[in-house]
Amino acid sequence: MTAKATSESTWQQDVIDAEGPVLVDFWAEWCGPCRMVGPILDEIQTENPEKITVLKLNVDENPQLAMQYQITSIPAMKVFNKGEVEKTIIGAKPKFALQQDLADYIG
């Protein structure tokens, strides 16, 4: 199960109105570390489908959201719960480190 894409047009429904925690991966095509994190997030989604929803947001295609959430470096991951940012994770990390960061949600 791979993380699905979200965009400015689906943001409200996908993230703000979502039930349960949503991790949004702010990424771009040209970002090498983003491409390293992508498959790890897909694995976390596959292993925890009931606990967390993983979405990807391309910052080049959705600059308004990147600006709104003050994304200054990527990869950046934000966990939203009830429409609010609860946690921010910056930079590429190995799977075990991301799992530790997300322990409150997938533990």
PDB file of N, CA and C in Angstrom:
ATOM      1  N   MET A   1       0.855  -1.184   0.000  1.00  0.00           N
ATOM      2  CA  MET A   1       0.000   0.000   0.000  1.00  0.00           C
ATOM      3  C   MET A   1       0.892   1.235   0.000  1.00  0.00           C
ATOM      4  N   THR A   2       0.803   2.010  -1.057  1.00  0.00           N
ATOM      5  CA  THR A   2       1.654   3.195  -1.110  1.00  0.00           C
ATOM      6  C   THR A   2       0.880   4.416  -0.637  1.00  0.00           C
ATOM      7  N   ALA A   3       1.628   5.371  -0.145  1.00  0.00           N
ATOM      8  CA  ALA A   3       1.030   6.622   0.294  1.00  0.00           C
ATOM      9  C   ALA A   3       0.419   7.307  -0.915  1.00  0.00           C
ATOM     10  N   LYS A   4      -0.780   7.850  -0.749  1.00  0.00           N
ATOM     11  CA  LYS A   4      -1.394   8.516  -1.891  1.00  0.00           C
ATOM     12  C   LYS A   4      -1.072  10.000  -1.868  1.00  0.00           C
ATOM     13  N   ALA A   5      -1.237  10.614  -3.024  1.00  0.00           N
ATOM     14  CA  ALA A   5      -0.944  12.038  -3.145  1.00  0.00           C
ATOM     15  C   ALA A   5      -2.130  12.864  -2.669  1.00  0.00           C
ATOM     16  N   THR A   6      -1.817  14.006  -2.095  1.00  0.00           N
ATOM     17  CA  THR A   6      -2.836  14.997  -1.781  1.00  0.00           C
ATOM     18  C   THR A   6      -2.426  16.290  -2.465  1.00  0.00           C
ATOM     19  N   SER A   7      -3.347  17.234  -2.525  1.00  0.00           N
ATOM     20  CA  SER A   7      -3.055  18.495  -3.210  1.00  0.00           C
ATOM     21  C   SER A   7      -3.896  19.599  -2.583  1.00  0.00           C
ATOM     22  N   GLU A   8      -3.698  20.805  -3.084  1.00  0.00           N
ATOM     23  CA  GLU A   8      -4.479  21.923  -2.557  1.00  0.00           C
ATOM     24  C   GLU A   8      -5.974  21.683  -2.727  1.00  0.00           C
ATOM     25  N   SER A   9      -6.364  21.008  -3.811  1.00  0.00           N
ATOM     26  CA  SER A   9      -7.795  20.806  -4.067  1.00  0.00           C
ATOM     27  C   SER A   9      -8.411  19.737  -3.152  1.00  0.00           C
ATOM     28  N   THR A  10      -7.604  18.795  -2.661  1.00  0.00           N
ATOM     29  CA  THR A  10      -8.154  17.724  -1.814  1.00  0.00           C
ATOM     30  C   THR A  10      -7.723  17.857  -0.356  1.00  0.00           C
ATOM     31  N   TRP A  11      -6.942  18.882  -0.040  1.00  0.00           N
ATOM     32  CA  TRP A  11      -6.339  19.051   1.290  1.00  0.00           C
ATOM     33  C   TRP A  11      -7.373  19.031   2.416  1.00  0.00           C
ATOM     34  N   GLN A  12      -8.424  19.822   2.263  1.00  0.00           N
ATOM     35  CA  GLN A  12      -9.446  19.924   3.316  1.00  0.00           C
ATOM     36  C   GLN A  12     -10.006  18.540   3.655  1.00  0.00           C
ATOM     37  N   GLN A  13     -10.381  17.806   2.631  1.00  0.00           N
ATOM     38  CA  GLN A  13     -10.973  16.484   2.818  1.00  0.00           C
ATOM     39  C   GLN A  13      -9.928  15.468   3.305  1.00  0.00           C
ATOM     40  N   ASP A  14      -8.748  15.468   2.696  1.00  0.00           N
ATOM     41  CA  ASP A  14      -7.724  14.459   2.996  1.00  0.00           C
ATOM     42  C   ASP A  14      -7.075  14.654   4.360  1.00  0.00           C
ATOM     43  N   VAL A  15      -6.871  15.922   4.750  1.00  0.00           N
ATOM     44  CA  VAL A  15      -6.056  16.203   5.930  1.00  0.00           C
ATOM     45  C   VAL A  15      -6.863  16.854   7.055  1.00  0.00           C
ATOM     46  N   ILE A  16      -7.484  17.971   6.762  1.00  0.00           N
ATOM     47  CA  ILE A  16      -8.157  18.754   7.802  1.00  0.00           C
ATOM     48  C   ILE A  16      -9.364  17.999   8.377  1.00  0.00           C
ATOM     49  N   ASP A  17     -10.168  17.388   7.507  1.00  0.00           N
ATOM     50  CA  ASP A  17     -11.378  16.703   7.955  1.00  0.00           C
ATOM     51  C   ASP A  17     -11.168  15.219   8.238  1.00  0.00           C
ATOM     52  N   ALA A  18      -9.935  14.737   8.122  1.00  0.00           N
ATOM     53  CA  ALA A  18      -9.662  13.304   8.277  1.00  0.00           C
ATOM     54  C   ALA A  18      -9.922  12.837   9.712  1.00  0.00           C
ATOM     55  N   GLU A  19     -10.344  11.591   9.813  1.00  0.00           N
ATOM     56  CA  GLU A  19     -10.474  10.972  11.126  1.00  0.00           C
ATOM     57  C   GLU A  19      -9.165  10.269  11.432  1.00  0.00           C
ATOM     58  N   GLY A  20      -8.626  10.530  12.602  1.00  0.00           N
ATOM     59  CA  GLY A  20      -7.361   9.907  12.979  1.00  0.00           C
ATOM     60  C   GLY A  20      -6.178  10.677  12.431  1.00  0.00           C
ATOM     61  N   PRO A  21      -4.972  10.285  12.862  1.00  0.00           N
ATOM     62  CA  PRO A  21      -3.764  11.006  12.467  1.00  0.00           C
ATOM     63  C   PRO A  21      -3.416  10.811  10.990  1.00  0.00           C
ATOM     64  N   VAL A  22      -2.918  11.892  10.391  1.00  0.00           N
ATOM     65  CA  VAL A  22      -2.493  11.885   8.993  1.00  0.00           C
ATOM     66  C   VAL A  22      -1.068  12.418   8.947  1.00  0.00           C
ATOM     67  N   LEU A  23      -0.152  11.631   8.388  1.00  0.00           N
ATOM     68  CA  LEU A  23       1.217  12.103   8.183  1.00  0.00           C
ATOM     69  C   LEU A  23       1.311  12.603   6.747  1.00  0.00           C
ATOM     70  N   VAL A  24       1.716  13.859   6.594  1.00  0.00           N
ATOM     71  CA  VAL A  24       1.902  14.416   5.257  1.00  0.00           C
ATOM     72  C   VAL A  24       3.398  14.557   4.995  1.00  0.00           C
ATOM     73  N   ASP A  25       3.831  13.924   3.918  1.00  0.00           N
ATOM     74  CA  ASP A  25       5.222  13.997   3.476  1.00  0.00           C
ATOM     75  C   ASP A  25       5.322  15.110   2.443  1.00  0.00           C
ATOM     76  N   PHE A  26       5.945  16.234   2.830  1.00  0.00           N
ATOM     77  CA  PHE A  26       6.175  17.343   1.903  1.00  0.00           C
ATOM     78  C   PHE A  26       7.447  17.019   1.131  1.00  0.00           C
ATOM     79  N   TRP A  27       7.351  16.856  -0.171  1.00  0.00           N
ATOM     80  CA  TRP A  27       8.482  16.379  -0.970  1.00  0.00           C
ATOM     81  C   TRP A  27       8.504  17.065  -2.333  1.00  0.00           C
ATOM     82  N   ALA A  28       9.547  16.774  -3.106  1.00  0.00           N
ATOM     83  CA  ALA A  28       9.640  17.238  -4.497  1.00  0.00           C
ATOM     84  C   ALA A  28      10.387  16.192  -5.314  1.00  0.00           C
ATOM     85  N   GLU A  29      10.076  16.180  -6.597  1.00  0.00           N
ATOM     86  CA  GLU A  29      10.665  15.231  -7.550  1.00  0.00           C
ATOM     87  C   GLU A  29      12.193  15.272  -7.525  1.00  0.00           C
ATOM     88  N   TRP A  30      12.778  16.467  -7.442  1.00  0.00           N
ATOM     89  CA  TRP A  30      14.227  16.671  -7.549  1.00  0.00           C
ATOM     90  C   TRP A  30      14.979  16.390  -6.249  1.00  0.00           C
ATOM     91  N   CYS A  31      14.273  16.062  -5.182  1.00  0.00           N
ATOM     92  CA  CYS A  31      14.887  15.929  -3.852  1.00  0.00           C
ATOM     93  C   CYS A  31      15.317  14.475  -3.597  1.00  0.00           C
ATOM     94  N   GLY A  32      16.632  14.238  -3.609  1.00  0.00           N
ATOM     95  CA  GLY A  32      17.154  12.888  -3.381  1.00  0.00           C
ATOM     96  C   GLY A  32      16.742  12.284  -2.051  1.00  0.00           C
ATOM     97  N   PRO A  33      16.934  12.999  -0.932  1.00  0.00           N
ATOM     98  CA  PRO A  33      16.518  12.448   0.362  1.00  0.00           C
ATOM     99  C   PRO A  33      15.018  12.140   0.415  1.00  0.00           C
ATOM    100  N   CYS A  34      14.214  12.910  -0.304  1.00  0.00           N
ATOM    101  CA  CYS A  34      12.769  12.639  -0.348  1.00  0.00           C
ATOM    102  C   CYS A  34      12.506  11.268  -0.979  1.00  0.00           C
ATOM    103  N   ARG A  35      13.268  10.956  -2.015  1.00  0.00           N
ATOM    104  CA  ARG A  35      13.092   9.668  -2.691  1.00  0.00           C
ATOM    105  C   ARG A  35      13.534   8.513  -1.799  1.00  0.00           C
ATOM    106  N   MET A  36      14.450   8.781  -0.850  1.00  0.00           N
ATOM    107  CA  MET A  36      14.857   7.743   0.104  1.00  0.00           C
ATOM    108  C   MET A  36      13.761   7.500   1.146  1.00  0.00           C
ATOM    109  N   VAL A  37      13.103   8.574   1.579  1.00  0.00           N
ATOM    110  CA  VAL A  37      12.084   8.472   2.630  1.00  0.00           C
ATOM    111  C   VAL A  37      10.778   7.880   2.100  1.00  0.00           C
ATOM    112  N   GLY A  38      10.458   8.164   0.842  1.00  0.00           N
ATOM    113  CA  GLY A  38       9.188   7.715   0.258  1.00  0.00           C
ATOM    114  C   GLY A  38       8.866   6.245   0.484  1.00  0.00           C
ATOM    115  N   PRO A  39       9.766   5.319   0.094  1.00  0.00           N
ATOM    116  CA  PRO A  39       9.480   3.894   0.282  1.00  0.00           C
ATOM    117  C   PRO A  39       9.341   3.497   1.761  1.00  0.00           C
ATOM    118  N   ILE A  40      10.065   4.177   2.635  1.00  0.00           N
ATOM    119  CA  ILE A  40       9.962   3.893   4.079  1.00  0.00           C
ATOM    120  C   ILE A  40       8.572   4.271   4.574  1.00  0.00           C
ATOM    121  N   LEU A  41       8.091   5.439   4.136  1.00  0.00           N
ATOM    122  CA  LEU A  41       6.749   5.860   4.537  1.00  0.00           C
ATOM    123  C   LEU A  41       5.684   4.933   3.964  1.00  0.00           C
ATOM    124  N   ASP A  42       5.918   4.429   2.737  1.00  0.00           N
ATOM    125  CA  ASP A  42       4.996   3.446   2.168  1.00  0.00           C
ATOM    126  C   ASP A  42       4.927   2.204   3.050  1.00  0.00           C
ATOM    127  N   GLU A  43       6.086   1.747   3.540  1.00  0.00           N
ATOM    128  CA  GLU A  43       6.121   0.572   4.424  1.00  0.00           C
ATOM    129  C   GLU A  43       5.367   0.846   5.724  1.00  0.00           C
ATOM    130  N   ILE A  44       5.601   2.022   6.304  1.00  0.00           N
ATOM    131  CA  ILE A  44       4.921   2.370   7.553  1.00  0.00           C
ATOM    132  C   ILE A  44       3.406   2.401   7.326  1.00  0.00           C
ATOM    133  N   GLN A  45       2.970   2.928   6.178  1.00  0.00           N
ATOM    134  CA  GLN A  45       1.537   2.944   5.851  1.00  0.00           C
ATOM    135  C   GLN A  45       1.013   1.523   5.725  1.00  0.00           C
ATOM    136  N   THR A  46       1.756   0.666   5.022  1.00  0.00           N
ATOM    137  CA  THR A  46       1.333  -0.719   4.806  1.00  0.00           C
ATOM    138  C   THR A  46       1.207  -1.472   6.132  1.00  0.00           C
ATOM    139  N   GLU A  47       2.143  -1.205   7.043  1.00  0.00           N
ATOM    140  CA  GLU A  47       2.165  -1.929   8.325  1.00  0.00           C
ATOM    141  C   GLU A  47       1.176  -1.370   9.347  1.00  0.00           C
ATOM    142  N   ASN A  48       0.684  -0.153   9.134  1.00  0.00           N
ATOM    143  CA  ASN A  48      -0.185   0.500  10.128  1.00  0.00           C
ATOM    144  C   ASN A  48      -1.419   1.150   9.497  1.00  0.00           C
ATOM    145  N   PRO A  49      -2.129   0.415   8.631  1.00  0.00           N
ATOM    146  CA  PRO A  49      -3.232   1.059   7.903  1.00  0.00           C
ATOM    147  C   PRO A  49      -4.362   1.552   8.809  1.00  0.00           C
ATOM    148  N   GLU A  50      -4.534   0.926   9.958  1.00  0.00           N
ATOM    149  CA  GLU A  50      -5.618   1.317  10.865  1.00  0.00           C
ATOM    150  C   GLU A  50      -5.223   2.498  11.747  1.00  0.00           C
ATOM    151  N   LYS A  51      -3.917   2.750  11.863  1.00  0.00           N
ATOM    152  CA  LYS A  51      -3.426   3.701  12.869  1.00  0.00           C
ATOM    153  C   LYS A  51      -3.110   5.078  12.316  1.00  0.00           C
ATOM    154  N   ILE A  52      -2.600   5.121  11.083  1.00  0.00           N
ATOM    155  CA  ILE A  52      -2.168   6.409  10.525  1.00  0.00           C
ATOM    156  C   ILE A  52      -2.358   6.380   9.011  1.00  0.00           C
ATOM    157  N   THR A  53      -2.660   7.535   8.445  1.00  0.00           N
ATOM    158  CA  THR A  53      -2.766   7.681   6.991  1.00  0.00           C
ATOM    159  C   THR A  53      -1.560   8.483   6.534  1.00  0.00           C
ATOM    160  N   VAL A  54      -0.841   7.962   5.544  1.00  0.00           N
ATOM    161  CA  VAL A  54       0.333   8.656   5.012  1.00  0.00           C
ATOM    162  C   VAL A  54      -0.030   9.238   3.649  1.00  0.00           C
ATOM    163  N   LEU A  55       0.186  10.537   3.503  1.00  0.00           N
ATOM    164  CA  LEU A  55      -0.072  11.234   2.247  1.00  0.00           C
ATOM    165  C   LEU A  55       1.188  11.959   1.798  1.00  0.00           C
ATOM    166  N   LYS A  56       1.305  12.164   0.483  1.00  0.00           N
ATOM    167  CA  LYS A  56       2.447  12.899  -0.065  1.00  0.00           C
ATOM    168  C   LYS A  56       1.933  14.193  -0.685  1.00  0.00           C
ATOM    169  N   LEU A  57       2.675  15.271  -0.443  1.00  0.00           N
ATOM    170  CA  LEU A  57       2.326  16.550  -1.046  1.00  0.00           C
ATOM    171  C   LEU A  57       3.545  17.078  -1.792  1.00  0.00           C
ATOM    172  N   ASN A  58       3.426  17.196  -3.100  1.00  0.00           N
ATOM    173  CA  ASN A  58       4.515  17.736  -3.910  1.00  0.00           C
ATOM    174  C   ASN A  58       4.541  19.253  -3.728  1.00  0.00           C
ATOM    175  N   VAL A  59       5.622  19.769  -3.140  1.00  0.00           N
ATOM    176  CA  VAL A  59       5.693  21.205  -2.815  1.00  0.00           C
ATOM    177  C   VAL A  59       5.803  22.081  -4.069  1.00  0.00           C
ATOM    178  N   ASP A  60       6.350  21.529  -5.152  1.00  0.00           N
ATOM    179  CA  ASP A  60       6.448  22.304  -6.388  1.00  0.00           C
ATOM    180  C   ASP A  60       5.067  22.510  -7.018  1.00  0.00           C
ATOM    181  N   GLU A  61       4.203  21.507  -6.864  1.00  0.00           N
ATOM    182  CA  GLU A  61       2.859  21.582  -7.442  1.00  0.00           C
ATOM    183  C   GLU A  61       1.868  22.264  -6.504  1.00  0.00           C
ATOM    184  N   ASN A  62       2.225  22.393  -5.221  1.00  0.00           N
ATOM    185  CA  ASN A  62       1.317  22.956  -4.217  1.00  0.00           C
ATOM    186  C   ASN A  62       2.035  23.987  -3.350  1.00  0.00           C
ATOM    187  N   PRO A  63       2.539  25.060  -3.986  1.00  0.00           N
ATOM    188  CA  PRO A  63       3.364  26.020  -3.239  1.00  0.00           C
ATOM    189  C   PRO A  63       2.612  26.745  -2.121  1.00  0.00           C
ATOM    190  N   GLN A  64       1.302  26.923  -2.275  1.00  0.00           N
ATOM    191  CA  GLN A  64       0.539  27.622  -1.237  1.00  0.00           C
ATOM    192  C   GLN A  64       0.563  26.854   0.075  1.00  0.00           C
ATOM    193  N   LEU A  65       0.363  25.546   0.002  1.00  0.00           N
ATOM    194  CA  LEU A  65       0.376  24.734   1.222  1.00  0.00           C
ATOM    195  C   LEU A  65       1.774  24.680   1.819  1.00  0.00           C
ATOM    196  N   ALA A  66       2.790  24.585   0.969  1.00  0.00           N
ATOM    197  CA  ALA A  66       4.171  24.569   1.464  1.00  0.00           C
ATOM    198  C   ALA A  66       4.457  25.864   2.229  1.00  0.00           C
ATOM    199  N   MET A  67       3.955  26.983   1.691  1.00  0.00           N
ATOM    200  CA  MET A  67       4.165  28.265   2.353  1.00  0.00           C
ATOM    201  C   MET A  67       3.351  28.342   3.657  1.00  0.00           C
ATOM    202  N   GLN A  68       2.105  27.915   3.580  1.00  0.00           N
ATOM    203  CA  GLN A  68       1.215  27.985   4.746  1.00  0.00           C
ATOM    204  C   GLN A  68       1.793  27.221   5.943  1.00  0.00           C
ATOM    205  N   TYR A  69       2.426  26.072   5.661  1.00  0.00           N
ATOM    206  CA  TYR A  69       2.972  25.245   6.740  1.00  0.00           C
ATOM    207  C   TYR A  69       4.470  25.462   6.935  1.00  0.00           C
ATOM    208  N   GLN A  70       4.980  26.549   6.363  1.00  0.00           N
ATOM    209  CA  GLN A  70       6.361  26.990   6.561  1.00  0.00           C
ATOM    210  C   GLN A  70       7.381  25.897   6.267  1.00  0.00           C
ATOM    211  N   ILE A  71       7.213  25.255   5.124  1.00  0.00           N
ATOM    212  CA  ILE A  71       8.146  24.220   4.698  1.00  0.00           C
ATOM    213  C   ILE A  71       9.344  24.912   4.066  1.00  0.00           C
ATOM    214  N   THR A  72      10.472  24.894   4.758  1.00  0.00           N
ATOM    215  CA  THR A  72      11.667  25.559   4.249  1.00  0.00           C
ATOM    216  C   THR A  72      12.721  24.559   3.795  1.00  0.00           C
ATOM    217  N   SER A  73      12.634  23.323   4.262  1.00  0.00           N
ATOM    218  CA  SER A  73      13.538  22.288   3.766  1.00  0.00           C
ATOM    219  C   SER A  73      12.753  20.990   3.673  1.00  0.00           C
ATOM    220  N   ILE A  74      13.126  20.180   2.694  1.00  0.00           N
ATOM    221  CA  ILE A  74      12.442  18.902   2.513  1.00  0.00           C
ATOM    222  C   ILE A  74      13.473  17.783   2.478  1.00  0.00           C
ATOM    223  N   PRO A  75      13.108  16.562   2.823  1.00  0.00           N
ATOM    224  CA  PRO A  75      11.760  16.163   3.188  1.00  0.00           C
ATOM    225  C   PRO A  75      11.355  16.710   4.562  1.00  0.00           C
ATOM    226  N   ALA A  76      10.100  17.087   4.651  1.00  0.00           N
ATOM    227  CA  ALA A  76       9.505  17.485   5.923  1.00  0.00           C
ATOM    228  C   ALA A  76       8.214  16.699   6.063  1.00  0.00           C
ATOM    229  N   MET A  77       7.998  16.151   7.235  1.00  0.00           N
ATOM    230  CA  MET A  77       6.782  15.386   7.483  1.00  0.00           C
ATOM    231  C   MET A  77       6.059  16.027   8.661  1.00  0.00           C
ATOM    232  N   LYS A  78       4.767  16.187   8.499  1.00  0.00           N
ATOM    233  CA  LYS A  78       3.967  16.744   9.581  1.00  0.00           C
ATOM    234  C   LYS A  78       2.824  15.786   9.869  1.00  0.00           C
ATOM    235  N   VAL A  79       2.596  15.539  11.158  1.00  0.00           N
ATOM    236  CA  VAL A  79       1.460  14.712  11.556  1.00  0.00           C
ATOM    237  C   VAL A  79       0.336  15.657  11.967  1.00  0.00           C
ATOM    238  N   PHE A  80      -0.796  15.495  11.300  1.00  0.00           N
ATOM    239  CA  PHE A  80      -1.986  16.285  11.600  1.00  0.00           C
ATOM    240  C   PHE A  80      -2.971  15.405  12.359  1.00  0.00           C
ATOM    241  N   ASN A  81      -3.642  15.989  13.331  1.00  0.00           N
ATOM    242  CA  ASN A  81      -4.712  15.294  14.032  1.00  0.00           C
ATOM    243  C   ASN A  81      -5.823  16.310  14.231  1.00  0.00           C
ATOM    244  N   LYS A  82      -7.007  15.982  13.755  1.00  0.00           N
ATOM    245  CA  LYS A  82      -8.147  16.908  13.815  1.00  0.00           C
ATOM    246  C   LYS A  82      -7.792  18.255  13.172  1.00  0.00           C
ATOM    247  N   GLY A  83      -7.028  18.203  12.102  1.00  0.00           N
ATOM    248  CA  GLY A  83      -6.704  19.402  11.344  1.00  0.00           C
ATOM    249  C   GLY A  83      -5.548  20.224  11.876  1.00  0.00           C
ATOM    250  N   GLU A  84      -4.998  19.837  13.025  1.00  0.00           N
ATOM    251  CA  GLU A  84      -3.899  20.595  13.633  1.00  0.00           C
ATOM    252  C   GLU A  84      -2.584  19.830  13.503  1.00  0.00           C
ATOM    253  N   VAL A  85      -1.485  20.564  13.328  1.00  0.00           N
ATOM    254  CA  VAL A  85      -0.168  19.925  13.290  1.00  0.00           C
ATOM    255  C   VAL A  85       0.208  19.521  14.709  1.00  0.00           C
ATOM    256  N   GLU A  86       0.449  18.234  14.912  1.00  0.00           N
ATOM    257  CA  GLU A  86       0.848  17.729  16.228  1.00  0.00           C
ATOM    258  C   GLU A  86       2.339  17.451  16.312  1.00  0.00           C
ATOM    259  N   LYS A  87       2.943  17.164  15.163  1.00  0.00           N
ATOM    260  CA  LYS A  87       4.361  16.788  15.177  1.00  0.00           C
ATOM    261  C   LYS A  87       4.979  17.142  13.835  1.00  0.00           C
ATOM    262  N   THR A  88       6.237  17.579  13.870  1.00  0.00           N
ATOM    263  CA  THR A  88       6.984  17.863  12.651  1.00  0.00           C
ATOM    264  C   THR A  88       8.290  17.077  12.678  1.00  0.00           C
ATOM    265  N   ILE A  89       8.593  16.424  11.569  1.00  0.00           N
ATOM    266  CA  ILE A  89       9.834  15.652  11.424  1.00  0.00           C
ATOM    267  C   ILE A  89      10.540  16.214  10.190  1.00  0.00           C
ATOM    268  N   ILE A  90      11.783  16.646  10.363  1.00  0.00           N
ATOM    269  CA  ILE A  90      12.525  17.236   9.242  1.00  0.00           C
ATOM    270  C   ILE A  90      13.689  16.322   8.860  1.00  0.00           C
ATOM    271  N   GLY A  91      13.831  16.108   7.566  1.00  0.00           N
ATOM    272  CA  GLY A  91      14.993  15.371   7.065  1.00  0.00           C
ATOM    273  C   GLY A  91      14.752  13.883   6.886  1.00  0.00           C
ATOM    274  N   ALA A  92      15.597  13.289   6.053  1.00  0.00           N
ATOM    275  CA  ALA A  92      15.525  11.853   5.793  1.00  0.00           C
ATOM    276  C   ALA A  92      16.072  11.098   7.000  1.00  0.00           C
ATOM    277  N   LYS A  93      15.381  10.040   7.368  1.00  0.00           N
ATOM    278  CA  LYS A  93      15.807   9.211   8.500  1.00  0.00           C
ATOM    279  C   LYS A  93      15.581   7.759   8.146  1.00  0.00           C
ATOM    280  N   PRO A  94      16.339   6.854   8.775  1.00  0.00           N
ATOM    281  CA  PRO A  94      16.067   5.431   8.556  1.00  0.00           C
ATOM    282  C   PRO A  94      14.724   5.046   9.173  1.00  0.00           C
ATOM    283  N   LYS A  95      14.214   3.901   8.755  1.00  0.00           N
ATOM    284  CA  LYS A  95      12.881   3.462   9.181  1.00  0.00           C
ATOM    285  C   LYS A  95      12.737   3.420  10.700  1.00  0.00           C
ATOM    286  N   PHE A  96      13.707   2.841  11.399  1.00  0.00           N
ATOM    287  CA  PHE A  96      13.550   2.708  12.856  1.00  0.00           C
ATOM    288  C   PHE A  96      13.431   4.078  13.525  1.00  0.00           C
ATOM    289  N   ALA A  97      14.146   5.082  13.002  1.00  0.00           N
ATOM    290  CA  ALA A  97      14.079   6.424  13.585  1.00  0.00           C
ATOM    291  C   ALA A  97      12.711   7.061  13.318  1.00  0.00           C
ATOM    292  N   LEU A  98      12.185   6.861  12.118  1.00  0.00           N
ATOM    293  CA  LEU A  98      10.848   7.381  11.816  1.00  0.00           C
ATOM    294  C   LEU A  98       9.795   6.674  12.671  1.00  0.00           C
ATOM    295  N   GLN A  99       9.969   5.366  12.856  1.00  0.00           N
ATOM    296  CA  GLN A  99       9.025   4.633  13.704  1.00  0.00           C
ATOM    297  C   GLN A  99       9.061   5.156  15.139  1.00  0.00           C
ATOM    298  N   GLN A 100      10.254   5.504  15.620  1.00  0.00           N
ATOM    299  CA  GLN A 100      10.362   6.086  16.974  1.00  0.00           C
ATOM    300  C   GLN A 100       9.658   7.437  17.015  1.00  0.00           C
ATOM    301  N   ASP A 101       9.872   8.258  15.978  1.00  0.00           N
ATOM    302  CA  ASP A 101       9.228   9.568  15.911  1.00  0.00           C
ATOM    303  C   ASP A 101       7.703   9.431  15.909  1.00  0.00           C
ATOM    304  N   LEU A 102       7.228   8.353  15.315  1.00  0.00           N
ATOM    305  CA  LEU A 102       5.784   8.149  15.158  1.00  0.00           C
ATOM    306  C   LEU A 102       5.194   7.194  16.193  1.00  0.00           C
ATOM    307  N   ALA A 103       5.974   6.845  17.209  1.00  0.00           N
ATOM    308  CA  ALA A 103       5.550   5.855  18.197  1.00  0.00           C
ATOM    309  C   ALA A 103       4.210   6.206  18.865  1.00  0.00           C
ATOM    310  N   ASP A 104       3.957   7.507  19.070  1.00  0.00           N
ATOM    311  CA  ASP A 104       2.695   7.909  19.692  1.00  0.00           C
ATOM    312  C   ASP A 104       1.500   7.503  18.830  1.00  0.00           C
ATOM    313  N   TYR A 105       1.725   7.342  17.543  1.00  0.00           N
ATOM    314  CA  TYR A 105       0.630   7.050  16.617  1.00  0.00           C
ATOM    315  C   TYR A 105       0.587   5.586  16.206  1.00  0.00           C
ATOM    316  N   ILE A 106       1.756   4.963  16.064  1.00  0.00           N
ATOM    317  CA  ILE A 106       1.785   3.587  15.536  1.00  0.00           C
ATOM    318  C   ILE A 106       2.285   2.577  16.561  1.00  0.00           C
ATOM    319  N   GLY A 107       2.653   3.058  17.756  1.00  0.00           N
ATOM    320  CA  GLY A 107       3.259   2.199  18.774  1.00  0.00           C
ATOM    321  C   GLY A 107       2.350   1.113  19.291  1.00  0.00           C
TER     322      GLY A 107
END
